[in-house]
Full PDB file with SEQRES, HELIX, SHEET, SSBOND, CRYST1, ORIGX, SCALE, CONECT and MASTER records, all heavy atoms in Angstrom:
SEQRES   1 A   42  GLU LEU PHE GLY ARG PHE SER ALA LEU VAL ALA ARG ALA          
SEQRES   2 A   42  THR SER ALA MET PRO SER ARG ARG GLN ALA ILE LEU SER          
SEQRES   3 A   42  ALA MET GLY VAL ARG GLU ARG GLU LEU ALA ASP ARG ALA          
SEQRES   4 A   42  GLU ILE ILE                                                  
HELIX    1 AA1 LEU A    2  ALA A   16  1                                  15    
HELIX    2 AA2 PRO A   18  ARG A   20  5                                   3    
HELIX    3 AA3 ARG A   21  MET A   28  1                                   8    
HELIX    4 AA4 GLU A   32  ILE A   41  1                                  10    
CRYST1    1.000    1.000    1.000  90.00  90.00  90.00 P 1           1          
ORIGX1      1.000000  0.000000  0.000000        0.00000                         
ORIGX2      0.000000  1.000000  0.000000        0.00000                         
ORIGX3      0.000000  0.000000  1.000000        0.00000                         
SCALE1      1.000000  0.000000  0.000000        0.00000                         
SCALE2      0.000000  1.000000  0.000000        0.00000                         
SCALE3      0.000000  0.000000  1.000000        0.00000                         
ATOM      1  N   GLU A   1      20.376  37.848  37.049  1.00  0.00           N  
ATOM      2  CA  GLU A   1      19.997  38.417  35.784  1.00  0.00           C  
ATOM      3  C   GLU A   1      21.225  38.186  34.710  1.00  0.00           C  
ATOM      4  O   GLU A   1      20.981  37.786  33.697  1.00  0.00           O  
ATOM      5  CB  GLU A   1      19.728  39.898  35.790  1.00  0.00           C  
ATOM      6  CG  GLU A   1      19.356  40.543  34.372  1.00  0.00           C  
ATOM      7  CD  GLU A   1      19.172  42.010  34.461  1.00  0.00           C  
ATOM      8  OE1 GLU A   1      19.142  42.603  35.531  1.00  0.00           O  
ATOM      9  OE2 GLU A   1      18.835  42.537  33.393  1.00  0.00           O  
ATOM     10  N   LEU A   2      22.342  38.576  35.160  1.00  0.00           N  
ATOM     11  CA  LEU A   2      23.574  38.317  34.353  1.00  0.00           C  
ATOM     12  C   LEU A   2      23.708  36.878  33.887  1.00  0.00           C  
ATOM     13  O   LEU A   2      23.925  36.462  32.667  1.00  0.00           O  
ATOM     14  CB  LEU A   2      24.838  38.840  35.091  1.00  0.00           C  
ATOM     15  CG  LEU A   2      26.241  38.395  34.474  1.00  0.00           C  
ATOM     16  CD1 LEU A   2      26.399  39.077  33.098  1.00  0.00           C  
ATOM     17  CD2 LEU A   2      27.391  38.660  35.364  1.00  0.00           C  
ATOM     18  N   PHE A   3      23.623  35.934  34.880  1.00  0.00           N  
ATOM     19  CA  PHE A   3      23.938  34.538  34.575  1.00  0.00           C  
ATOM     20  C   PHE A   3      22.771  34.047  33.710  1.00  0.00           C  
ATOM     21  O   PHE A   3      23.027  33.146  32.819  1.00  0.00           O  
ATOM     22  CB  PHE A   3      24.042  33.686  35.886  1.00  0.00           C  
ATOM     23  CG  PHE A   3      24.681  32.382  35.611  1.00  0.00           C  
ATOM     24  CD1 PHE A   3      26.007  32.166  35.481  1.00  0.00           C  
ATOM     25  CD2 PHE A   3      23.902  31.286  35.419  1.00  0.00           C  
ATOM     26  CE1 PHE A   3      26.664  31.006  35.226  1.00  0.00           C  
ATOM     27  CE2 PHE A   3      24.448  30.034  35.231  1.00  0.00           C  
ATOM     28  CZ  PHE A   3      25.859  29.905  35.197  1.00  0.00           C  
ATOM     29  N   GLY A   4      21.657  34.437  33.939  1.00  0.00           N  
ATOM     30  CA  GLY A   4      20.508  34.047  33.063  1.00  0.00           C  
ATOM     31  C   GLY A   4      20.620  34.441  31.703  1.00  0.00           C  
ATOM     32  O   GLY A   4      20.418  33.628  30.761  1.00  0.00           O  
ATOM     33  N   ARG A   5      20.997  35.701  31.404  1.00  0.00           N  
ATOM     34  CA  ARG A   5      21.276  36.170  30.100  1.00  0.00           C  
ATOM     35  C   ARG A   5      22.406  35.474  29.429  1.00  0.00           C  
ATOM     36  O   ARG A   5      22.404  35.220  28.256  1.00  0.00           O  
ATOM     37  CB  ARG A   5      21.421  37.787  30.153  1.00  0.00           C  
ATOM     38  CG  ARG A   5      20.220  38.457  30.521  1.00  0.00           C  
ATOM     39  CD  ARG A   5      20.356  39.915  30.587  1.00  0.00           C  
ATOM     40  NE  ARG A   5      20.849  40.465  29.259  1.00  0.00           N  
ATOM     41  CZ  ARG A   5      21.344  41.705  29.121  1.00  0.00           C  
ATOM     42  NH1 ARG A   5      21.374  42.512  30.186  1.00  0.00           N  
ATOM     43  NH2 ARG A   5      21.675  42.145  28.016  1.00  0.00           N  
ATOM     44  N   PHE A   6      23.502  35.245  30.191  1.00  0.00           N  
ATOM     45  CA  PHE A   6      24.637  34.494  29.711  1.00  0.00           C  
ATOM     46  C   PHE A   6      24.304  33.132  29.296  1.00  0.00           C  
ATOM     47  O   PHE A   6      24.588  32.635  28.220  1.00  0.00           O  
ATOM     48  CB  PHE A   6      25.783  34.538  30.814  1.00  0.00           C  
ATOM     49  CG  PHE A   6      26.887  33.655  30.413  1.00  0.00           C  
ATOM     50  CD1 PHE A   6      27.906  34.017  29.583  1.00  0.00           C  
ATOM     51  CD2 PHE A   6      27.079  32.416  31.092  1.00  0.00           C  
ATOM     52  CE1 PHE A   6      28.950  33.222  29.213  1.00  0.00           C  
ATOM     53  CE2 PHE A   6      28.119  31.580  30.744  1.00  0.00           C  
ATOM     54  CZ  PHE A   6      29.019  32.023  29.823  1.00  0.00           C  
ATOM     55  N   SER A   7      23.460  32.452  30.062  1.00  0.00           N  
ATOM     56  CA  SER A   7      23.102  31.097  29.738  1.00  0.00           C  
ATOM     57  C   SER A   7      22.266  31.026  28.608  1.00  0.00           C  
ATOM     58  O   SER A   7      22.456  30.225  27.628  1.00  0.00           O  
ATOM     59  CB  SER A   7      22.385  30.477  30.971  1.00  0.00           C  
ATOM     60  OG  SER A   7      23.245  30.351  32.095  1.00  0.00           O  
ATOM     61  N   ALA A   8      21.402  31.993  28.480  1.00  0.00           N  
ATOM     62  CA  ALA A   8      20.502  32.034  27.243  1.00  0.00           C  
ATOM     63  C   ALA A   8      21.334  32.407  26.006  1.00  0.00           C  
ATOM     64  O   ALA A   8      21.041  31.765  24.927  1.00  0.00           O  
ATOM     65  CB  ALA A   8      19.374  33.047  27.503  1.00  0.00           C  
ATOM     66  N   LEU A   9      22.196  33.201  26.121  1.00  0.00           N  
ATOM     67  CA  LEU A   9      23.155  33.564  24.989  1.00  0.00           C  
ATOM     68  C   LEU A   9      23.880  32.354  24.485  1.00  0.00           C  
ATOM     69  O   LEU A   9      23.938  32.099  23.308  1.00  0.00           O  
ATOM     70  CB  LEU A   9      24.017  34.683  25.446  1.00  0.00           C  
ATOM     71  CG  LEU A   9      25.049  35.204  24.353  1.00  0.00           C  
ATOM     72  CD1 LEU A   9      24.344  35.641  23.052  1.00  0.00           C  
ATOM     73  CD2 LEU A   9      25.875  36.227  24.857  1.00  0.00           C  
ATOM     74  N   VAL A  10      24.485  31.676  25.395  1.00  0.00           N  
ATOM     75  CA  VAL A  10      25.292  30.500  24.995  1.00  0.00           C  
ATOM     76  C   VAL A  10      24.300  29.402  24.402  1.00  0.00           C  
ATOM     77  O   VAL A  10      24.700  28.805  23.411  1.00  0.00           O  
ATOM     78  CB  VAL A  10      25.965  29.918  26.283  1.00  0.00           C  
ATOM     79  CG1 VAL A  10      26.571  28.493  26.020  1.00  0.00           C  
ATOM     80  CG2 VAL A  10      27.044  30.848  26.833  1.00  0.00           C  
ATOM     81  N   ALA A  11      23.100  29.211  24.972  1.00  0.00           N  
ATOM     82  CA  ALA A  11      22.217  28.254  24.371  1.00  0.00           C  
ATOM     83  C   ALA A  11      21.843  28.668  22.989  1.00  0.00           C  
ATOM     84  O   ALA A  11      21.786  27.706  22.097  1.00  0.00           O  
ATOM     85  CB  ALA A  11      20.860  28.154  25.239  1.00  0.00           C  
ATOM     86  N   ARG A  12      21.556  29.855  22.673  1.00  0.00           N  
ATOM     87  CA  ARG A  12      21.250  30.236  21.400  1.00  0.00           C  
ATOM     88  C   ARG A  12      22.241  30.071  20.344  1.00  0.00           C  
ATOM     89  O   ARG A  12      22.117  29.482  19.264  1.00  0.00           O  
ATOM     90  CB  ARG A  12      20.748  31.816  21.364  1.00  0.00           C  
ATOM     91  CG  ARG A  12      19.437  32.037  22.064  1.00  0.00           C  
ATOM     92  CD  ARG A  12      18.945  33.403  21.575  1.00  0.00           C  
ATOM     93  NE  ARG A  12      19.934  34.519  21.671  1.00  0.00           N  
ATOM     94  CZ  ARG A  12      20.020  35.243  22.753  1.00  0.00           C  
ATOM     95  NH1 ARG A  12      19.299  34.994  23.854  1.00  0.00           N  
ATOM     96  NH2 ARG A  12      20.944  36.350  22.851  1.00  0.00           N  
ATOM     97  N   ALA A  13      23.484  30.371  20.768  1.00  0.00           N  
ATOM     98  CA  ALA A  13      24.678  30.315  19.846  1.00  0.00           C  
ATOM     99  C   ALA A  13      24.934  28.855  19.609  1.00  0.00           C  
ATOM    100  O   ALA A  13      25.131  28.378  18.402  1.00  0.00           O  
ATOM    101  CB  ALA A  13      25.924  30.902  20.436  1.00  0.00           C  
ATOM    102  N   THR A  14      24.930  27.885  20.537  1.00  0.00           N  
ATOM    103  CA  THR A  14      25.207  26.485  20.312  1.00  0.00           C  
ATOM    104  C   THR A  14      24.084  25.829  19.684  1.00  0.00           C  
ATOM    105  O   THR A  14      24.399  24.840  18.927  1.00  0.00           O  
ATOM    106  CB  THR A  14      25.643  25.833  21.776  1.00  0.00           C  
ATOM    107  OG1 THR A  14      24.489  26.022  22.622  1.00  0.00           O  
ATOM    108  CG2 THR A  14      26.840  26.332  22.353  1.00  0.00           C  
ATOM    109  N   SER A  15      22.900  26.332  19.763  1.00  0.00           N  
ATOM    110  CA  SER A  15      21.697  25.734  19.070  1.00  0.00           C  
ATOM    111  C   SER A  15      21.838  26.050  17.505  1.00  0.00           C  
ATOM    112  O   SER A  15      21.489  25.229  16.677  1.00  0.00           O  
ATOM    113  CB  SER A  15      20.457  26.145  19.721  1.00  0.00           C  
ATOM    114  OG  SER A  15      20.308  25.690  20.922  1.00  0.00           O  
ATOM    115  N   ALA A  16      22.366  27.381  17.299  1.00  0.00           N  
ATOM    116  CA  ALA A  16      22.411  27.806  15.906  1.00  0.00           C  
ATOM    117  C   ALA A  16      23.654  27.119  15.300  1.00  0.00           C  
ATOM    118  O   ALA A  16      23.617  26.976  13.978  1.00  0.00           O  
ATOM    119  CB  ALA A  16      22.579  29.266  15.906  1.00  0.00           C  
ATOM    120  N   MET A  17      24.642  26.706  16.030  1.00  0.00           N  
ATOM    121  CA  MET A  17      25.752  26.079  15.345  1.00  0.00           C  
ATOM    122  C   MET A  17      26.068  24.747  16.059  1.00  0.00           C  
ATOM    123  O   MET A  17      27.121  24.624  16.900  1.00  0.00           O  
ATOM    124  CB  MET A  17      27.010  26.982  15.639  1.00  0.00           C  
ATOM    125  CG  MET A  17      26.866  28.362  14.856  1.00  0.00           C  
ATOM    126  SD  MET A  17      28.239  29.466  15.208  1.00  0.00           S  
ATOM    127  CE  MET A  17      27.770  30.071  16.836  1.00  0.00           C  
ATOM    128  N   PRO A  18      25.208  23.703  15.818  1.00  0.00           N  
ATOM    129  CA  PRO A  18      25.295  22.454  16.678  1.00  0.00           C  
ATOM    130  C   PRO A  18      26.683  21.853  16.402  1.00  0.00           C  
ATOM    131  O   PRO A  18      27.177  21.140  17.515  1.00  0.00           O  
ATOM    132  CB  PRO A  18      24.077  21.717  16.185  1.00  0.00           C  
ATOM    133  CG  PRO A  18      23.752  22.255  14.889  1.00  0.00           C  
ATOM    134  CD  PRO A  18      23.966  23.740  14.972  1.00  0.00           C  
ATOM    135  N   SER A  19      27.263  21.901  15.226  1.00  0.00           N  
ATOM    136  CA  SER A  19      28.458  21.171  14.885  1.00  0.00           C  
ATOM    137  C   SER A  19      29.593  21.795  15.715  1.00  0.00           C  
ATOM    138  O   SER A  19      30.630  21.221  15.959  1.00  0.00           O  
ATOM    139  CB  SER A  19      28.731  21.113  13.490  1.00  0.00           C  
ATOM    140  OG  SER A  19      28.833  22.444  12.991  1.00  0.00           O  
ATOM    141  N   ARG A  20      29.424  23.045  16.163  1.00  0.00           N  
ATOM    142  CA  ARG A  20      30.567  23.751  16.808  1.00  0.00           C  
ATOM    143  C   ARG A  20      30.209  23.868  18.368  1.00  0.00           C  
ATOM    144  O   ARG A  20      30.903  24.491  19.131  1.00  0.00           O  
ATOM    145  CB  ARG A  20      30.678  25.141  16.347  1.00  0.00           C  
ATOM    146  CG  ARG A  20      31.091  25.199  14.792  1.00  0.00           C  
ATOM    147  CD  ARG A  20      32.474  24.646  14.572  1.00  0.00           C  
ATOM    148  NE  ARG A  20      33.458  25.552  15.232  1.00  0.00           N  
ATOM    149  CZ  ARG A  20      34.726  25.256  15.563  1.00  0.00           C  
ATOM    150  NH1 ARG A  20      35.035  24.039  15.204  1.00  0.00           N  
ATOM    151  NH2 ARG A  20      35.433  26.092  16.166  1.00  0.00           N  
ATOM    152  N   ARG A  21      29.190  23.087  18.848  1.00  0.00           N  
ATOM    153  CA  ARG A  21      28.748  23.341  20.264  1.00  0.00           C  
ATOM    154  C   ARG A  21      29.916  23.058  21.298  1.00  0.00           C  
ATOM    155  O   ARG A  21      30.124  23.907  22.019  1.00  0.00           O  
ATOM    156  CB  ARG A  21      27.666  22.429  20.540  1.00  0.00           C  
ATOM    157  CG  ARG A  21      27.135  22.380  21.910  1.00  0.00           C  
ATOM    158  CD  ARG A  21      25.966  21.359  22.129  1.00  0.00           C  
ATOM    159  NE  ARG A  21      25.382  21.556  23.427  1.00  0.00           N  
ATOM    160  CZ  ARG A  21      24.520  22.299  23.856  1.00  0.00           C  
ATOM    161  NH1 ARG A  21      24.099  23.297  23.044  1.00  0.00           N  
ATOM    162  NH2 ARG A  21      24.078  22.421  25.197  1.00  0.00           N  
ATOM    163  N   GLN A  22      30.579  21.936  21.251  1.00  0.00           N  
ATOM    164  CA  GLN A  22      31.582  21.601  22.113  1.00  0.00           C  
ATOM    165  C   GLN A  22      32.783  22.537  21.947  1.00  0.00           C  
ATOM    166  O   GLN A  22      33.413  22.869  23.055  1.00  0.00           O  
ATOM    167  CB  GLN A  22      32.012  20.100  21.960  1.00  0.00           C  
ATOM    168  CG  GLN A  22      30.901  19.144  22.406  1.00  0.00           C  
ATOM    169  CD  GLN A  22      30.459  19.382  23.871  1.00  0.00           C  
ATOM    170  OE1 GLN A  22      31.324  19.668  24.845  1.00  0.00           O  
ATOM    171  NE2 GLN A  22      29.198  19.256  24.187  1.00  0.00           N  
ATOM    172  N   ALA A  23      33.077  22.920  20.763  1.00  0.00           N  
ATOM    173  CA  ALA A  23      34.245  23.776  20.563  1.00  0.00           C  
ATOM    174  C   ALA A  23      34.007  25.115  21.220  1.00  0.00           C  
ATOM    175  O   ALA A  23      34.953  25.725  21.822  1.00  0.00           O  
ATOM    176  CB  ALA A  23      34.561  24.009  19.067  1.00  0.00           C  
ATOM    177  N   ILE A  24      32.713  25.659  21.072  1.00  0.00           N  
ATOM    178  CA  ILE A  24      32.366  26.964  21.685  1.00  0.00           C  
ATOM    179  C   ILE A  24      32.493  26.870  23.217  1.00  0.00           C  
ATOM    180  O   ILE A  24      33.132  27.643  23.878  1.00  0.00           O  
ATOM    181  CB  ILE A  24      31.015  27.397  21.269  1.00  0.00           C  
ATOM    182  CG1 ILE A  24      31.075  27.731  19.715  1.00  0.00           C  
ATOM    183  CG2 ILE A  24      30.508  28.674  22.060  1.00  0.00           C  
ATOM    184  CD1 ILE A  24      29.610  27.984  19.149  1.00  0.00           C  
ATOM    185  N   LEU A  25      31.844  25.853  23.719  1.00  0.00           N  
ATOM    186  CA  LEU A  25      31.847  25.664  25.206  1.00  0.00           C  
ATOM    187  C   LEU A  25      33.271  25.527  25.816  1.00  0.00           C  
ATOM    188  O   LEU A  25      33.599  26.170  26.830  1.00  0.00           O  
ATOM    189  CB  LEU A  25      31.031  24.471  25.533  1.00  0.00           C  
ATOM    190  CG  LEU A  25      29.539  24.550  25.336  1.00  0.00           C  
ATOM    191  CD1 LEU A  25      28.820  23.310  25.692  1.00  0.00           C  
ATOM    192  CD2 LEU A  25      28.861  25.767  26.051  1.00  0.00           C  
ATOM    193  N   SER A  26      34.013  24.672  25.061  1.00  0.00           N  
ATOM    194  CA  SER A  26      35.420  24.513  25.441  1.00  0.00           C  
ATOM    195  C   SER A  26      36.210  25.834  25.425  1.00  0.00           C  
ATOM    196  O   SER A  26      37.035  26.093  26.399  1.00  0.00           O  
ATOM    197  CB  SER A  26      36.024  23.340  24.634  1.00  0.00           C  
ATOM    198  OG  SER A  26      37.381  23.246  25.024  1.00  0.00           O  
ATOM    199  N   ALA A  27      36.076  26.580  24.379  1.00  0.00           N  
ATOM    200  CA  ALA A  27      36.761  27.797  24.178  1.00  0.00           C  
ATOM    201  C   ALA A  27      36.464  28.804  25.404  1.00  0.00           C  
ATOM    202  O   ALA A  27      37.280  29.592  25.866  1.00  0.00           O  
ATOM    203  CB  ALA A  27      36.439  28.404  22.908  1.00  0.00           C  
ATOM    204  N   MET A  28      35.114  28.757  25.863  1.00  0.00           N  
ATOM    205  CA  MET A  28      34.810  29.678  26.921  1.00  0.00           C  
ATOM    206  C   MET A  28      35.076  29.174  28.398  1.00  0.00           C  
ATOM    207  O   MET A  28      35.031  29.783  29.344  1.00  0.00           O  
ATOM    208  CB  MET A  28      33.319  29.899  26.885  1.00  0.00           C  
ATOM    209  CG  MET A  28      32.838  30.529  25.539  1.00  0.00           C  
ATOM    210  SD  MET A  28      31.023  30.714  25.575  1.00  0.00           S  
ATOM    211  CE  MET A  28      30.777  32.031  26.607  1.00  0.00           C  
ATOM    212  N   GLY A  29      35.482  27.903  28.433  1.00  0.00           N  
ATOM    213  CA  GLY A  29      35.818  27.228  29.649  1.00  0.00           C  
ATOM    214  C   GLY A  29      34.583  26.714  30.343  1.00  0.00           C  
ATOM    215  O   GLY A  29      34.538  26.465  31.540  1.00  0.00           O  
ATOM    216  N   VAL A  30      33.496  26.445  29.631  1.00  0.00           N  
ATOM    217  CA  VAL A  30      32.299  26.000  30.164  1.00  0.00           C  
ATOM    218  C   VAL A  30      32.183  24.489  30.040  1.00  0.00           C  
ATOM    219  O   VAL A  30      32.247  24.043  28.924  1.00  0.00           O  
ATOM    220  CB  VAL A  30      31.029  26.644  29.498  1.00  0.00           C  
ATOM    221  CG1 VAL A  30      29.715  26.120  30.024  1.00  0.00           C  
ATOM    222  CG2 VAL A  30      31.078  28.146  29.644  1.00  0.00           C  
ATOM    223  N   ARG A  31      31.853  23.864  31.262  1.00  0.00           N  
ATOM    224  CA  ARG A  31      31.463  22.402  31.154  1.00  0.00           C  
ATOM    225  C   ARG A  31      29.939  22.417  31.124  1.00  0.00           C  
ATOM    226  O   ARG A  31      29.349  23.067  32.042  1.00  0.00           O  
ATOM    227  CB  ARG A  31      32.118  21.690  32.346  1.00  0.00           C  
ATOM    228  CG  ARG A  31      33.515  21.431  32.239  1.00  0.00           C  
ATOM    229  CD  ARG A  31      34.010  20.652  33.442  1.00  0.00           C  
ATOM    230  NE  ARG A  31      35.409  20.283  33.269  1.00  0.00           N  
ATOM    231  CZ  ARG A  31      36.312  21.071  33.890  1.00  0.00           C  
ATOM    232  NH1 ARG A  31      35.979  22.181  34.591  1.00  0.00           N  
ATOM    233  NH2 ARG A  31      37.639  20.869  33.752  1.00  0.00           N  
ATOM    234  N   GLU A  32      29.299  21.775  30.229  1.00  0.00           N  
ATOM    235  CA  GLU A  32      27.851  21.920  30.062  1.00  0.00           C  
ATOM    236  C   GLU A  32      27.026  21.758  31.335  1.00  0.00           C  
ATOM    237  O   GLU A  32      26.114  22.495  31.588  1.00  0.00           O  
ATOM    238  CB  GLU A  32      27.419  20.885  28.907  1.00  0.00           C  
ATOM    239  CG  GLU A  32      26.134  21.242  28.311  1.00  0.00           C  
ATOM    240  CD  GLU A  32      25.860  20.583  27.081  1.00  0.00           C  
ATOM    241  OE1 GLU A  32      26.641  19.816  26.606  1.00  0.00           O  
ATOM    242  OE2 GLU A  32      24.746  20.842  26.427  1.00  0.00           O  
ATOM    243  N   ARG A  33      27.474  20.746  32.144  1.00  0.00           N  
ATOM    244  CA  ARG A  33      26.597  20.469  33.251  1.00  0.00           C  
ATOM    245  C   ARG A  33      26.763  21.558  34.322  1.00  0.00           C  
ATOM    246  O   ARG A  33      25.859  21.783  35.071  1.00  0.00           O  
ATOM    247  CB  ARG A  33      27.124  19.216  34.052  1.00  0.00           C  
ATOM    248  CG  ARG A  33      26.384  18.776  35.170  1.00  0.00           C  
ATOM    249  CD  ARG A  33      24.892  18.593  34.973  1.00  0.00           C  
ATOM    250  NE  ARG A  33      24.131  18.594  36.251  1.00  0.00           N  
ATOM    251  CZ  ARG A  33      22.824  18.678  36.324  1.00  0.00           C  
ATOM    252  NH1 ARG A  33      22.154  18.967  35.243  1.00  0.00           N  
ATOM    253  NH2 ARG A  33      22.148  18.612  37.549  1.00  0.00           N  
ATOM    254  N   GLU A  34      27.984  22.387  34.347  1.00  0.00           N  
ATOM    255  CA  GLU A  34      28.237  23.327  35.266  1.00  0.00           C  
ATOM    256  C   GLU A  34      27.225  24.475  35.159  1.00  0.00           C  
ATOM    257  O   GLU A  34      26.878  25.181  36.084  1.00  0.00           O  
ATOM    258  CB  GLU A  34      29.584  23.815  35.101  1.00  0.00           C  
ATOM    259  CG  GLU A  34      30.735  22.899  35.655  1.00  0.00           C  
ATOM    260  CD  GLU A  34      32.066  23.656  35.516  1.00  0.00           C  
ATOM    261  OE1 GLU A  34      32.155  24.717  35.175  1.00  0.00           O  
ATOM    262  OE2 GLU A  34      33.072  22.960  36.061  1.00  0.00           O  
ATOM    263  N   LEU A  35      26.664  24.777  33.864  1.00  0.00           N  
ATOM    264  CA  LEU A  35      25.813  25.801  33.725  1.00  0.00           C  
ATOM    265  C   LEU A  35      24.489  25.646  34.674  1.00  0.00           C  
ATOM    266  O   LEU A  35      24.091  26.510  35.371  1.00  0.00           O  
ATOM    267  CB  LEU A  35      25.331  26.037  32.351  1.00  0.00           C  
ATOM    268  CG  LEU A  35      26.323  26.674  31.348  1.00  0.00           C  
ATOM    269  CD1 LEU A  35      25.832  26.573  29.896  1.00  0.00           C  
ATOM    270  CD2 LEU A  35      26.499  28.082  31.758  1.00  0.00           C  
ATOM    271  N   ALA A  36      24.000  24.474  34.483  1.00  0.00           N  
ATOM    272  CA  ALA A  36      22.848  24.125  35.328  1.00  0.00           C  
ATOM    273  C   ALA A  36      23.115  24.085  36.853  1.00  0.00           C  
ATOM    274  O   ALA A  36      22.380  24.501  37.712  1.00  0.00           O  
ATOM    275  CB  ALA A  36      22.222  22.772  34.814  1.00  0.00           C  
ATOM    276  N   ASP A  37      24.281  23.483  37.073  1.00  0.00           N  
ATOM    277  CA  ASP A  37      24.691  23.424  38.561  1.00  0.00           C  
ATOM    278  C   ASP A  37      24.837  24.735  39.246  1.00  0.00           C  
ATOM    279  O   ASP A  37      24.437  24.994  40.323  1.00  0.00           O  
ATOM    280  CB  ASP A  37      26.045  22.564  38.672  1.00  0.00           C  
ATOM    281  CG  ASP A  37      25.668  21.108  38.377  1.00  0.00           C  
ATOM    282  OD1 ASP A  37      24.570  20.699  38.372  1.00  0.00           O  
ATOM    283  OD2 ASP A  37      26.703  20.295  38.177  1.00  0.00           O  
ATOM    284  N   ARG A  38      25.539  25.661  38.475  1.00  0.00           N  
ATOM    285  CA  ARG A  38      25.882  26.995  39.014  1.00  0.00           C  
ATOM    286  C   ARG A  38      24.473  27.757  39.228  1.00  0.00           C  
ATOM    287  O   ARG A  38      24.317  28.486  40.202  1.00  0.00           O  
ATOM    288  CB  ARG A  38      26.773  27.758  38.138  1.00  0.00           C  
ATOM    289  CG  ARG A  38      27.101  29.140  38.658  1.00  0.00           C  
ATOM    290  CD  ARG A  38      28.138  29.811  37.919  1.00  0.00           C  
ATOM    291  NE  ARG A  38      29.542  29.246  38.134  1.00  0.00           N  
ATOM    292  CZ  ARG A  38      30.621  29.713  37.737  1.00  0.00           C  
ATOM    293  NH1 ARG A  38      30.670  30.720  36.954  1.00  0.00           N  
ATOM    294  NH2 ARG A  38      31.854  29.112  38.020  1.00  0.00           N  
ATOM    295  N   ALA A  39      23.553  27.671  38.220  1.00  0.00           N  
ATOM    296  CA  ALA A  39      22.281  28.336  38.282  1.00  0.00           C  
ATOM    297  C   ALA A  39      21.498  27.841  39.508  1.00  0.00           C  
ATOM    298  O   ALA A  39      20.963  28.647  40.264  1.00  0.00           O  
ATOM    299  CB  ALA A  39      21.537  28.084  37.082  1.00  0.00           C  
ATOM    300  N   GLU A  40      21.590  26.551  39.889  1.00  0.00           N  
ATOM    301  CA  GLU A  40      20.923  25.984  41.003  1.00  0.00           C  
ATOM    302  C   GLU A  40      21.585  26.557  42.316  1.00  0.00           C  
ATOM    303  O   GLU A  40      20.831  26.937  43.239  1.00  0.00           O  
ATOM    304  CB  GLU A  40      20.995  24.469  40.851  1.00  0.00           C  
ATOM    305  CG  GLU A  40      20.327  23.704  42.200  1.00  0.00           C  
ATOM    306  CD  GLU A  40      18.812  24.068  42.129  1.00  0.00           C  
ATOM    307  OE1 GLU A  40      18.252  24.373  41.098  1.00  0.00           O  
ATOM    308  OE2 GLU A  40      18.224  23.978  43.269  1.00  0.00           O  
ATOM    309  N   ILE A  41      22.912  26.574  42.316  1.00  0.00           N  
ATOM    310  CA  ILE A  41      23.615  27.122  43.555  1.00  0.00           C  
ATOM    311  C   ILE A  41      23.178  28.661  43.727  1.00  0.00           C  
ATOM    312  O   ILE A  41      23.017  28.992  44.942  1.00  0.00           O  
ATOM    313  CB  ILE A  41      25.133  26.967  43.382  1.00  0.00           C  
ATOM    314  CG1 ILE A  41      25.479  25.543  43.352  1.00  0.00           C  
ATOM    315  CG2 ILE A  41      25.830  27.741  44.441  1.00  0.00           C  
ATOM    316  CD1 ILE A  41      26.903  25.366  42.977  1.00  0.00           C  
ATOM    317  N   ILE A  42      23.260  29.446  42.698  1.00  0.00           N  
ATOM    318  CA  ILE A  42      22.871  30.800  42.767  1.00  0.00           C  
ATOM    319  C   ILE A  42      21.448  30.968  43.400  1.00  0.00           C  
ATOM    320  O   ILE A  42      21.176  31.755  44.340  1.00  0.00           O  
ATOM    321  CB  ILE A  42      22.953  31.545  41.438  1.00  0.00           C  
ATOM    322  CG1 ILE A  42      24.475  31.643  41.053  1.00  0.00           C  
ATOM    323  CG2 ILE A  42      22.406  32.951  41.545  1.00  0.00           C  
ATOM    324  CD1 ILE A  42      24.583  31.936  39.468  1.00  0.00           C  
TER     325      ILE A  42                                                      
MASTER        0    0    0    4    0    0    0    6  324    1    0    4          
END                                                                             
């Protein structure tokens, strides 16, 4: 539940601010592919 809500929150924010997408992900320490990979592992 936590990871699903976190992923959805990140998706909403980066969709709303597409020009800042990579900056937001980088600031959080997120590599985009890792979100999907970690969800699959869980």
